[in-house]
Amino acid sequence: MEPRTHSSSPDRYGGPVVVAVGDAETHDPSLQHACAEARRTGRPLHLVHVLTQRPTTAAERLLHDVAGQVHALVHGSLRVETVIRTGQVVPVLNELSRDAGLVVLQRRQLSRLQRLVSGSVSAQVAGQAHAPTVSVPEGWQPRGGGRPHVTVGLDGADDDEGTRLLRHAFARAAELEAELTVVHGWQLPSGYDDAIVDETAVDDWRTRYLQVLHRRLVPLTETHPTVTAAVEIRHLHPADALIQAAKDSDLVVLGRGRLEHPLVSHLGSVARAVIRDAACPVEVVNDH
């Protein structure tokens, strides 16, 4: 079957699917996700390996082996290029993202100490990239059977950032022929929440939030009539609500989050936590 190209895919992002190839023994999760995206949209696949020193025979062999894995997955149905770049991983991937349709990275299972020392490449790239980025958990496998499920994490129900994020999420759900759930988690700072929030307050917040959000959802459901959308408002920390939702999702879509320093590109704390702990791929888009 020929890959289908969707003119309504969430783009301004029309370039190749860029996959970061590291030194891990297996890249199967990220390759599976990237191949599915490339086949669905008809985009080429670029396998990128970044070195801090001059290219070596070992690096060339690694990319050759990974390209072999891709050809085995797609039976030659994709245009595949291999790219070796010299430099620091995050700046190189950010530069390549300028012409990419999607950047795919495999999230390694790092200990807390390793994260403190080296940081998360996935989070750093997602906070700065020009194209959407997807962080795929190291042990992830696609869910089998049933209709795909996309979850989008939403903060404000009536701001421009939320509208752009919803528009992207609806387009992604339509492209994937998936159901869509809009998840909003909220919780007051520890201490205040337990003291002043009761069931009545929770219900009141849910009602007011839904009233505002409804105005945003109506035109999107009309534009994407094949997308069945639901809303879940959870009295939980936003990151916890999304990590729970990820257990039953095929993709979580997030914005970068509200920035403490608007002139510096980085992720908010919720996006960082979800990338770190979600059980499914997490796609981050620049919603600013």
C-alpha atoms as a PDB file:
ATOM      1  CA  MET A   1       0.000   0.000   0.000  1.00  0.00           C
ATOM      2  CA  GLU A   2       1.321   3.427  -0.922  1.00  0.00           C
ATOM      3  CA  PRO A   3       1.791   5.926   1.914  1.00  0.00           C
ATOM      4  CA  ARG A   4      -0.933   8.529   2.109  1.00  0.00           C
ATOM      5  CA  THR A   5      -0.132  12.204   2.126  1.00  0.00           C
ATOM      6  CA  HIS A   6      -2.434  14.381   4.227  1.00  0.00           C
ATOM      7  CA  SER A   7      -2.719  17.972   3.137  1.00  0.00           C
ATOM      8  CA  SER A   8      -4.262  18.749   6.539  1.00  0.00           C
ATOM      9  CA  SER A   9      -1.321  17.384   8.527  1.00  0.00           C
ATOM     10  CA  PRO A  10      -0.212  19.786  11.266  1.00  0.00           C
ATOM     11  CA  ASP A  11       2.239  21.782   9.284  1.00  0.00           C
ATOM     12  CA  ARG A  12       3.979  24.355   8.373  1.00  0.00           C
ATOM     13  CA  TYR A  13       6.347  21.373   8.958  1.00  0.00           C
ATOM     14  CA  GLY A  14       6.856  19.724   5.587  1.00  0.00           C
ATOM     15  CA  GLY A  15      10.430  18.452   5.697  1.00  0.00           C
ATOM     16  CA  PRO A  16      11.887  15.017   6.439  1.00  0.00           C
ATOM     17  CA  VAL A  17      11.456  12.956   9.572  1.00  0.00           C
ATOM     18  CA  VAL A  18      14.796  13.299  11.375  1.00  0.00           C
ATOM     19  CA  VAL A  19      15.768  10.456  13.713  1.00  0.00           C
ATOM     20  CA  ALA A  20      18.587  10.920  16.186  1.00  0.00           C
ATOM     21  CA  VAL A  21      20.748   7.785  16.289  1.00  0.00           C
ATOM     22  CA  GLY A  22      22.799   7.491  19.461  1.00  0.00           C
ATOM     23  CA  ASP A  23      25.148   4.843  20.777  1.00  0.00           C
ATOM     24  CA  ALA A  24      22.432   2.671  22.321  1.00  0.00           C
ATOM     25  CA  GLU A  25      22.369  -1.007  21.412  1.00  0.00           C
ATOM     26  CA  THR A  26      18.840  -0.788  20.049  1.00  0.00           C
ATOM     27  CA  HIS A  27      16.875   2.013  18.429  1.00  0.00           C
ATOM     28  CA  ASP A  28      13.770  -0.044  17.712  1.00  0.00           C
ATOM     29  CA  PRO A  29      11.170   2.147  19.528  1.00  0.00           C
ATOM     30  CA  SER A  30      12.229   5.419  17.910  1.00  0.00           C
ATOM     31  CA  LEU A  31      12.660   3.772  14.522  1.00  0.00           C
ATOM     32  CA  GLN A  32       9.198   2.213  14.645  1.00  0.00           C
ATOM     33  CA  HIS A  33       7.610   5.552  15.460  1.00  0.00           C
ATOM     34  CA  ALA A  34       9.647   7.467  12.877  1.00  0.00           C
ATOM     35  CA  CYS A  35       8.975   4.930  10.124  1.00  0.00           C
ATOM     36  CA  ALA A  36       5.245   5.038  10.790  1.00  0.00           C
ATOM     37  CA  GLU A  37       5.265   8.837  10.582  1.00  0.00           C
ATOM     38  CA  ALA A  38       7.343   8.881   7.401  1.00  0.00           C
ATOM     39  CA  ARG A  39       5.199   6.257   5.667  1.00  0.00           C
ATOM     40  CA  ARG A  40       1.977   7.984   6.635  1.00  0.00           C
ATOM     41  CA  THR A  41       3.048  11.391   5.345  1.00  0.00           C
ATOM     42  CA  GLY A  42       5.271  10.341   2.437  1.00  0.00           C
ATOM     43  CA  ARG A  43       8.270  12.160   3.914  1.00  0.00           C
ATOM     44  CA  PRO A  44      11.851  10.905   3.614  1.00  0.00           C
ATOM     45  CA  LEU A  45      13.614   9.574   6.694  1.00  0.00           C
ATOM     46  CA  HIS A  46      16.963  11.034   7.749  1.00  0.00           C
ATOM     47  CA  LEU A  47      19.060   9.013  10.202  1.00  0.00           C
ATOM     48  CA  VAL A  48      21.406  11.389  12.016  1.00  0.00           C
ATOM     49  CA  HIS A  49      24.391  10.442  14.159  1.00  0.00           C
ATOM     50  CA  VAL A  50      26.268  13.256  15.926  1.00  0.00           C
ATOM     51  CA  LEU A  51      29.913  12.924  16.945  1.00  0.00           C
ATOM     52  CA  THR A  52      32.061  15.245  19.022  1.00  0.00           C
ATOM     53  CA  GLN A  53      35.081  14.191  16.965  1.00  0.00           C
ATOM     54  CA  ARG A  54      35.836  13.295  13.359  1.00  0.00           C
ATOM     55  CA  PRO A  55      33.659  10.555  11.805  1.00  0.00           C
ATOM     56  CA  THR A  56      34.953   7.024  12.317  1.00  0.00           C
ATOM     57  CA  THR A  57      34.446   3.680  10.665  1.00  0.00           C
ATOM     58  CA  ALA A  58      32.481   2.569  13.726  1.00  0.00           C
ATOM     59  CA  ALA A  59      30.056   5.479  13.294  1.00  0.00           C
ATOM     60  CA  GLU A  60      29.561   4.669   9.633  1.00  0.00           C
ATOM     61  CA  ARG A  61      28.967   1.018  10.511  1.00  0.00           C
ATOM     62  CA  LEU A  62      26.429   2.009  13.150  1.00  0.00           C
ATOM     63  CA  LEU A  63      24.407   4.094  10.699  1.00  0.00           C
ATOM     64  CA  HIS A  64      24.647   1.349   8.086  1.00  0.00           C
ATOM     65  CA  ASP A  65      23.221  -1.155  10.575  1.00  0.00           C
ATOM     66  CA  VAL A  66      20.414   1.189  11.621  1.00  0.00           C
ATOM     67  CA  ALA A  67      19.550   1.853   7.981  1.00  0.00           C
ATOM     68  CA  GLY A  68      19.328  -1.904   7.563  1.00  0.00           C
ATOM     69  CA  GLN A  69      16.830  -2.038  10.438  1.00  0.00           C
ATOM     70  CA  VAL A  70      14.742   0.642   8.741  1.00  0.00           C
ATOM     71  CA  HIS A  71      14.693  -1.179   5.404  1.00  0.00           C
ATOM     72  CA  ALA A  72      13.606  -4.350   7.214  1.00  0.00           C
ATOM     73  CA  LEU A  73      10.753  -2.443   8.876  1.00  0.00           C
ATOM     74  CA  VAL A  74       9.439  -0.737   5.735  1.00  0.00           C
ATOM     75  CA  HIS A  75      10.553  -3.155   2.993  1.00  0.00           C
ATOM     76  CA  GLY A  76      12.205  -0.419   0.974  1.00  0.00           C
ATOM     77  CA  SER A  77       9.130   1.821   0.842  1.00  0.00           C
ATOM     78  CA  LEU A  78      10.890   4.893   2.286  1.00  0.00           C
ATOM     79  CA  ARG A  79      13.571   7.233   1.058  1.00  0.00           C
ATOM     80  CA  VAL A  80      16.293   6.881   3.682  1.00  0.00           C
ATOM     81  CA  GLU A  81      19.377   9.061   4.070  1.00  0.00           C
ATOM     82  CA  THR A  82      22.183   8.685   6.600  1.00  0.00           C
ATOM     83  CA  VAL A  83      23.866  11.791   8.006  1.00  0.00           C
ATOM     84  CA  ILE A  84      26.942  12.074  10.227  1.00  0.00           C
ATOM     85  CA  ARG A  85      27.549  15.464  11.819  1.00  0.00           C
ATOM     86  CA  THR A  86      30.343  16.709  14.065  1.00  0.00           C
ATOM     87  CA  GLY A  87      29.494  18.890  17.036  1.00  0.00           C
ATOM     88  CA  GLN A  88      27.354  18.904  20.180  1.00  0.00           C
ATOM     89  CA  VAL A  89      24.181  16.847  19.923  1.00  0.00           C
ATOM     90  CA  VAL A  90      21.602  19.449  20.948  1.00  0.00           C
ATOM     91  CA  PRO A  91      22.816  22.353  18.751  1.00  0.00           C
ATOM     92  CA  VAL A  92      23.239  20.039  15.739  1.00  0.00           C
ATOM     93  CA  LEU A  93      19.738  18.584  16.076  1.00  0.00           C
ATOM     94  CA  ASN A  94      18.245  22.037  16.589  1.00  0.00           C
ATOM     95  CA  GLU A  95      19.911  23.255  13.407  1.00  0.00           C
ATOM     96  CA  LEU A  96      18.652  20.252  11.442  1.00  0.00           C
ATOM     97  CA  SER A  97      15.155  20.831  12.833  1.00  0.00           C
ATOM     98  CA  ARG A  98      14.908  24.061  10.795  1.00  0.00           C
ATOM     99  CA  ASP A  99      14.196  22.011   7.669  1.00  0.00           C
ATOM    100  CA  ALA A 100      12.539  19.009   9.346  1.00  0.00           C
ATOM    101  CA  GLY A 101       8.923  17.963   9.526  1.00  0.00           C
ATOM    102  CA  LEU A 102       9.498  16.067  12.744  1.00  0.00           C
ATOM    103  CA  VAL A 103      12.436  15.209  15.002  1.00  0.00           C
ATOM    104  CA  VAL A 104      12.341  11.818  16.732  1.00  0.00           C
ATOM    105  CA  LEU A 105      14.523  10.903  19.699  1.00  0.00           C
ATOM    106  CA  GLN A 106      14.666   7.809  21.847  1.00  0.00           C
ATOM    107  CA  ARG A 107      14.415   8.564  25.542  1.00  0.00           C
ATOM    108  CA  ARG A 108      16.941   6.616  27.569  1.00  0.00           C
ATOM    109  CA  GLN A 109      16.083   5.359  31.036  1.00  0.00           C
ATOM    110  CA  LEU A 110      18.427   7.551  33.071  1.00  0.00           C
ATOM    111  CA  SER A 111      18.888   7.483  36.807  1.00  0.00           C
ATOM    112  CA  ARG A 112      18.240  10.680  38.768  1.00  0.00           C
ATOM    113  CA  LEU A 113      21.998  11.214  39.124  1.00  0.00           C
ATOM    114  CA  GLN A 114      22.580  10.767  35.376  1.00  0.00           C
ATOM    115  CA  ARG A 115      19.840  13.322  34.624  1.00  0.00           C
ATOM    116  CA  LEU A 116      21.399  15.812  37.025  1.00  0.00           C
ATOM    117  CA  VAL A 117      24.847  15.384  35.486  1.00  0.00           C
ATOM    118  CA  SER A 118      24.007  15.257  31.785  1.00  0.00           C
ATOM    119  CA  GLY A 119      20.424  16.456  31.498  1.00  0.00           C
ATOM    120  CA  SER A 120      17.909  15.020  29.057  1.00  0.00           C
ATOM    121  CA  VAL A 121      18.768  15.444  25.386  1.00  0.00           C
ATOM    122  CA  SER A 122      15.084  14.913  24.527  1.00  0.00           C
ATOM    123  CA  ALA A 123      13.998  17.748  26.807  1.00  0.00           C
ATOM    124  CA  GLN A 124      16.746  20.084  25.615  1.00  0.00           C
ATOM    125  CA  VAL A 125      15.957  19.526  21.938  1.00  0.00           C
ATOM    126  CA  ALA A 126      12.208  19.768  22.523  1.00  0.00           C
ATOM    127  CA  GLY A 127      12.699  23.103  24.262  1.00  0.00           C
ATOM    128  CA  GLN A 128      14.560  24.669  21.346  1.00  0.00           C
ATOM    129  CA  ALA A 129      13.708  22.852  18.104  1.00  0.00           C
ATOM    130  CA  HIS A 130      12.029  24.612  15.199  1.00  0.00           C
ATOM    131  CA  ALA A 131       9.906  21.544  14.340  1.00  0.00           C
ATOM    132  CA  PRO A 132       7.806  19.311  16.587  1.00  0.00           C
ATOM    133  CA  THR A 133       9.847  16.735  18.469  1.00  0.00           C
ATOM    134  CA  VAL A 134       8.825  13.289  19.664  1.00  0.00           C
ATOM    135  CA  SER A 135      10.481  11.572  22.607  1.00  0.00           C
ATOM    136  CA  VAL A 136       9.957   7.795  22.447  1.00  0.00           C
ATOM    137  CA  PRO A 137      10.499   5.756  25.639  1.00  0.00           C
ATOM    138  CA  GLU A 138      13.274   3.184  25.429  1.00  0.00           C
ATOM    139  CA  GLY A 139      10.980   0.222  26.138  1.00  0.00           C
ATOM    140  CA  TRP A 140       7.923   1.402  24.205  1.00  0.00           C
ATOM    141  CA  GLN A 141       5.966  -0.855  21.862  1.00  0.00           C
ATOM    142  CA  PRO A 142       2.971   0.262  19.772  1.00  0.00           C
ATOM    143  CA  ARG A 143      -0.358  -0.754  21.227  1.00  0.00           C
ATOM    144  CA  GLY A 144      -2.045  -3.422  19.178  1.00  0.00           C
ATOM    145  CA  GLY A 145      -5.666  -3.370  18.033  1.00  0.00           C
ATOM    146  CA  GLY A 146      -8.358  -0.765  18.448  1.00  0.00           C
ATOM    147  CA  ARG A 147      -8.473   2.838  17.345  1.00  0.00           C
ATOM    148  CA  PRO A 148      -5.387   4.930  18.173  1.00  0.00           C
ATOM    149  CA  HIS A 149      -5.687   7.382  21.041  1.00  0.00           C
ATOM    150  CA  VAL A 150      -4.100  10.840  21.228  1.00  0.00           C
ATOM    151  CA  THR A 151      -4.000  12.853  24.450  1.00  0.00           C
ATOM    152  CA  VAL A 152      -3.318  16.586  24.489  1.00  0.00           C
ATOM    153  CA  GLY A 153      -2.389  18.387  27.681  1.00  0.00           C
ATOM    154  CA  LEU A 154      -4.037  21.806  27.956  1.00  0.00           C
ATOM    155  CA  ASP A 155      -3.415  24.587  30.446  1.00  0.00           C
ATOM    156  CA  GLY A 156      -5.446  27.684  29.615  1.00  0.00           C
ATOM    157  CA  ALA A 157      -8.817  27.097  27.964  1.00  0.00           C
ATOM    158  CA  ASP A 158      -9.081  30.543  26.417  1.00  0.00           C
ATOM    159  CA  ASP A 159      -5.623  31.731  25.362  1.00  0.00           C
ATOM    160  CA  ASP A 160      -3.813  31.815  22.042  1.00  0.00           C
ATOM    161  CA  GLU A 161      -1.248  29.190  23.057  1.00  0.00           C
ATOM    162  CA  GLY A 162      -3.992  26.747  23.986  1.00  0.00           C
ATOM    163  CA  THR A 163      -5.813  27.363  20.718  1.00  0.00           C
ATOM    164  CA  ARG A 164      -2.696  26.682  18.644  1.00  0.00           C
ATOM    165  CA  LEU A 165      -1.989  23.523  20.609  1.00  0.00           C
ATOM    166  CA  LEU A 166      -5.562  22.260  20.203  1.00  0.00           C
ATOM    167  CA  ARG A 167      -5.430  22.948  16.469  1.00  0.00           C
ATOM    168  CA  HIS A 168      -2.255  20.878  16.187  1.00  0.00           C
ATOM    169  CA  ALA A 169      -3.676  18.064  18.329  1.00  0.00           C
ATOM    170  CA  PHE A 170      -6.890  17.823  16.289  1.00  0.00           C
ATOM    171  CA  ALA A 171      -4.877  17.712  13.066  1.00  0.00           C
ATOM    172  CA  ARG A 172      -2.639  14.980  14.490  1.00  0.00           C
ATOM    173  CA  ALA A 173      -5.648  12.949  15.622  1.00  0.00           C
ATOM    174  CA  ALA A 174      -7.229  13.294  12.168  1.00  0.00           C
ATOM    175  CA  GLU A 175      -3.968  12.247  10.515  1.00  0.00           C
ATOM    176  CA  LEU A 176      -3.680   9.192  12.776  1.00  0.00           C
ATOM    177  CA  GLU A 177      -7.414   8.398  12.535  1.00  0.00           C
ATOM    178  CA  ALA A 178      -7.394   8.529  16.321  1.00  0.00           C
ATOM    179  CA  GLU A 179      -9.669   9.465  19.168  1.00  0.00           C
ATOM    180  CA  LEU A 180      -8.621  12.597  21.039  1.00  0.00           C
ATOM    181  CA  THR A 181      -8.784  13.370  24.752  1.00  0.00           C
ATOM    182  CA  VAL A 182      -8.121  16.870  26.071  1.00  0.00           C
ATOM    183  CA  VAL A 183      -6.664  16.577  29.577  1.00  0.00           C
ATOM    184  CA  HIS A 184      -6.506  19.492  31.986  1.00  0.00           C
ATOM    185  CA  GLY A 185      -4.973  18.889  35.394  1.00  0.00           C
ATOM    186  CA  TRP A 186      -5.079  21.471  38.164  1.00  0.00           C
ATOM    187  CA  GLN A 187      -4.044  21.621  41.788  1.00  0.00           C
ATOM    188  CA  LEU A 188      -3.293  24.406  44.213  1.00  0.00           C
ATOM    189  CA  PRO A 189       0.105  24.478  45.927  1.00  0.00           C
ATOM    190  CA  SER A 190       0.556  21.838  48.619  1.00  0.00           C
ATOM    191  CA  GLY A 191      -1.168  22.806  51.846  1.00  0.00           C
ATOM    192  CA  TYR A 192      -3.598  25.255  50.275  1.00  0.00           C
ATOM    193  CA  ASP A 193      -5.179  22.534  48.172  1.00  0.00           C
ATOM    194  CA  ASP A 194      -5.981  20.267  51.113  1.00  0.00           C
ATOM    195  CA  ALA A 195      -7.206  23.181  53.210  1.00  0.00           C
ATOM    196  CA  ILE A 196      -9.602  24.952  50.859  1.00  0.00           C
ATOM    197  CA  VAL A 197     -10.514  22.656  47.942  1.00  0.00           C
ATOM    198  CA  ASP A 198     -13.550  20.447  48.477  1.00  0.00           C
ATOM    199  CA  GLU A 199     -15.769  18.545  46.045  1.00  0.00           C
ATOM    200  CA  THR A 200     -17.943  21.592  45.442  1.00  0.00           C
ATOM    201  CA  ALA A 201     -14.915  23.669  44.442  1.00  0.00           C
ATOM    202  CA  VAL A 202     -13.720  20.906  42.120  1.00  0.00           C
ATOM    203  CA  ASP A 203     -17.118  20.704  40.410  1.00  0.00           C
ATOM    204  CA  ASP A 204     -17.329  24.489  40.103  1.00  0.00           C
ATOM    205  CA  TRP A 205     -13.889  24.694  38.464  1.00  0.00           C
ATOM    206  CA  ARG A 206     -14.756  21.859  36.088  1.00  0.00           C
ATOM    207  CA  THR A 207     -18.005  23.545  35.010  1.00  0.00           C
ATOM    208  CA  ARG A 208     -16.433  26.946  34.401  1.00  0.00           C
ATOM    209  CA  TYR A 209     -13.450  25.480  32.538  1.00  0.00           C
ATOM    210  CA  LEU A 210     -15.693  23.388  30.268  1.00  0.00           C
ATOM    211  CA  GLN A 211     -17.842  26.400  29.427  1.00  0.00           C
ATOM    212  CA  VAL A 212     -14.820  28.359  28.275  1.00  0.00           C
ATOM    213  CA  LEU A 213     -13.198  25.417  26.471  1.00  0.00           C
ATOM    214  CA  HIS A 214     -16.391  24.538  24.606  1.00  0.00           C
ATOM    215  CA  ARG A 215     -16.146  27.720  22.529  1.00  0.00           C
ATOM    216  CA  ARG A 216     -12.679  26.632  21.352  1.00  0.00           C
ATOM    217  CA  LEU A 217     -13.654  23.053  20.579  1.00  0.00           C
ATOM    218  CA  VAL A 218     -16.728  23.685  18.427  1.00  0.00           C
ATOM    219  CA  PRO A 219     -14.931  25.070  15.333  1.00  0.00           C
ATOM    220  CA  LEU A 220     -12.231  22.393  15.615  1.00  0.00           C
ATOM    221  CA  THR A 221     -14.736  19.537  15.705  1.00  0.00           C
ATOM    222  CA  GLU A 222     -16.417  21.065  12.662  1.00  0.00           C
ATOM    223  CA  THR A 223     -13.087  21.264  10.827  1.00  0.00           C
ATOM    224  CA  HIS A 224     -12.190  17.679  11.788  1.00  0.00           C
ATOM    225  CA  PRO A 225     -15.496  15.772  11.770  1.00  0.00           C
ATOM    226  CA  THR A 226     -13.772  12.368  11.935  1.00  0.00           C
ATOM    227  CA  VAL A 227     -12.160  13.156  15.301  1.00  0.00           C
ATOM    228  CA  THR A 228     -14.089  12.070  18.373  1.00  0.00           C
ATOM    229  CA  ALA A 229     -12.989  14.405  21.156  1.00  0.00           C
ATOM    230  CA  ALA A 230     -13.498  14.080  24.904  1.00  0.00           C
ATOM    231  CA  VAL A 231     -12.429  16.316  27.778  1.00  0.00           C
ATOM    232  CA  GLU A 232     -11.064  15.161  31.128  1.00  0.00           C
ATOM    233  CA  ILE A 233     -10.523  17.652  33.936  1.00  0.00           C
ATOM    234  CA  ARG A 234      -8.568  16.074  36.758  1.00  0.00           C
ATOM    235  CA  HIS A 235      -7.891  17.447  40.218  1.00  0.00           C
ATOM    236  CA  LEU A 236      -4.248  16.405  40.035  1.00  0.00           C
ATOM    237  CA  HIS A 237      -0.935  18.061  39.356  1.00  0.00           C
ATOM    238  CA  PRO A 238      -0.915  18.550  35.534  1.00  0.00           C
ATOM    239  CA  ALA A 239       2.140  16.331  35.041  1.00  0.00           C
ATOM    240  CA  ASP A 240       0.624  13.503  37.104  1.00  0.00           C
ATOM    241  CA  ALA A 241      -2.654  13.749  35.188  1.00  0.00           C
ATOM    242  CA  LEU A 242      -0.843  13.463  31.839  1.00  0.00           C
ATOM    243  CA  ILE A 243       1.470  10.664  32.950  1.00  0.00           C
ATOM    244  CA  GLN A 244      -1.599   8.682  34.018  1.00  0.00           C
ATOM    245  CA  ALA A 245      -3.336   9.408  30.702  1.00  0.00           C
ATOM    246  CA  ALA A 246      -0.242   8.310  28.762  1.00  0.00           C
ATOM    247  CA  LYS A 247      -0.713   4.724  29.993  1.00  0.00           C
ATOM    248  CA  ASP A 248      -3.726   4.389  27.675  1.00  0.00           C
ATOM    249  CA  SER A 249      -2.486   6.628  24.853  1.00  0.00           C
ATOM    250  CA  ASP A 250      -0.522   6.150  21.658  1.00  0.00           C
ATOM    251  CA  LEU A 251       0.713   9.747  21.661  1.00  0.00           C
ATOM    252  CA  VAL A 252       0.709  12.652  24.105  1.00  0.00           C
ATOM    253  CA  VAL A 253       0.848  16.133  22.565  1.00  0.00           C
ATOM    254  CA  LEU A 254       2.165  19.040  24.641  1.00  0.00           C
ATOM    255  CA  GLY A 255       3.149  22.641  24.275  1.00  0.00           C
ATOM    256  CA  ARG A 256       6.440  23.809  25.687  1.00  0.00           C
ATOM    257  CA  GLY A 257       4.728  25.319  28.690  1.00  0.00           C
ATOM    258  CA  ARG A 258       4.783  28.736  30.249  1.00  0.00           C
ATOM    259  CA  LEU A 259       8.319  30.048  30.382  1.00  0.00           C
ATOM    260  CA  GLU A 260       9.854  31.724  33.391  1.00  0.00           C
ATOM    261  CA  HIS A 261      12.211  33.577  31.029  1.00  0.00           C
ATOM    262  CA  PRO A 262      10.337  34.221  27.737  1.00  0.00           C
ATOM    263  CA  LEU A 263      13.516  35.139  25.848  1.00  0.00           C
ATOM    264  CA  VAL A 264      15.090  31.743  26.585  1.00  0.00           C
ATOM    265  CA  SER A 265      13.777  28.649  24.805  1.00  0.00           C
ATOM    266  CA  HIS A 266      13.215  25.798  27.197  1.00  0.00           C
ATOM    267  CA  LEU A 267      10.509  23.501  28.506  1.00  0.00           C
ATOM    268  CA  GLY A 268       8.205  24.187  31.394  1.00  0.00           C
ATOM    269  CA  SER A 269       8.292  21.827  34.363  1.00  0.00           C
ATOM    270  CA  VAL A 270       5.184  19.905  33.278  1.00  0.00           C
ATOM    271  CA  ALA A 271       6.553  19.099  29.823  1.00  0.00           C
ATOM    272  CA  ARG A 272       9.896  18.004  31.302  1.00  0.00           C
ATOM    273  CA  ALA A 273       8.184  15.677  33.779  1.00  0.00           C
ATOM    274  CA  VAL A 274       5.924  14.120  31.145  1.00  0.00           C
ATOM    275  CA  ILE A 275       8.814  13.539  28.732  1.00  0.00           C
ATOM    276  CA  ARG A 276      10.742  11.883  31.558  1.00  0.00           C
ATOM    277  CA  ASP A 277       8.023   9.533  32.808  1.00  0.00           C
ATOM    278  CA  ALA A 278       5.317   8.992  30.160  1.00  0.00           C
ATOM    279  CA  ALA A 279       4.818   5.433  28.942  1.00  0.00           C
ATOM    280  CA  CYS A 280       4.120   6.447  25.328  1.00  0.00           C
ATOM    281  CA  PRO A 281       5.712   8.828  22.794  1.00  0.00           C
ATOM    282  CA  VAL A 282       5.441  12.517  23.724  1.00  0.00           C
ATOM    283  CA  GLU A 283       5.260  15.142  20.982  1.00  0.00           C
ATOM    284  CA  VAL A 284       6.201  18.698  21.913  1.00  0.00           C
ATOM    285  CA  VAL A 285       5.249  21.641  19.700  1.00  0.00           C
ATOM    286  CA  ASN A 286       6.133  25.294  19.995  1.00  0.00           C
ATOM    287  CA  ASP A 287       2.839  26.785  21.109  1.00  0.00           C
ATOM    288  CA  HIS A 288       4.183  30.334  21.504  1.00  0.00           C
END
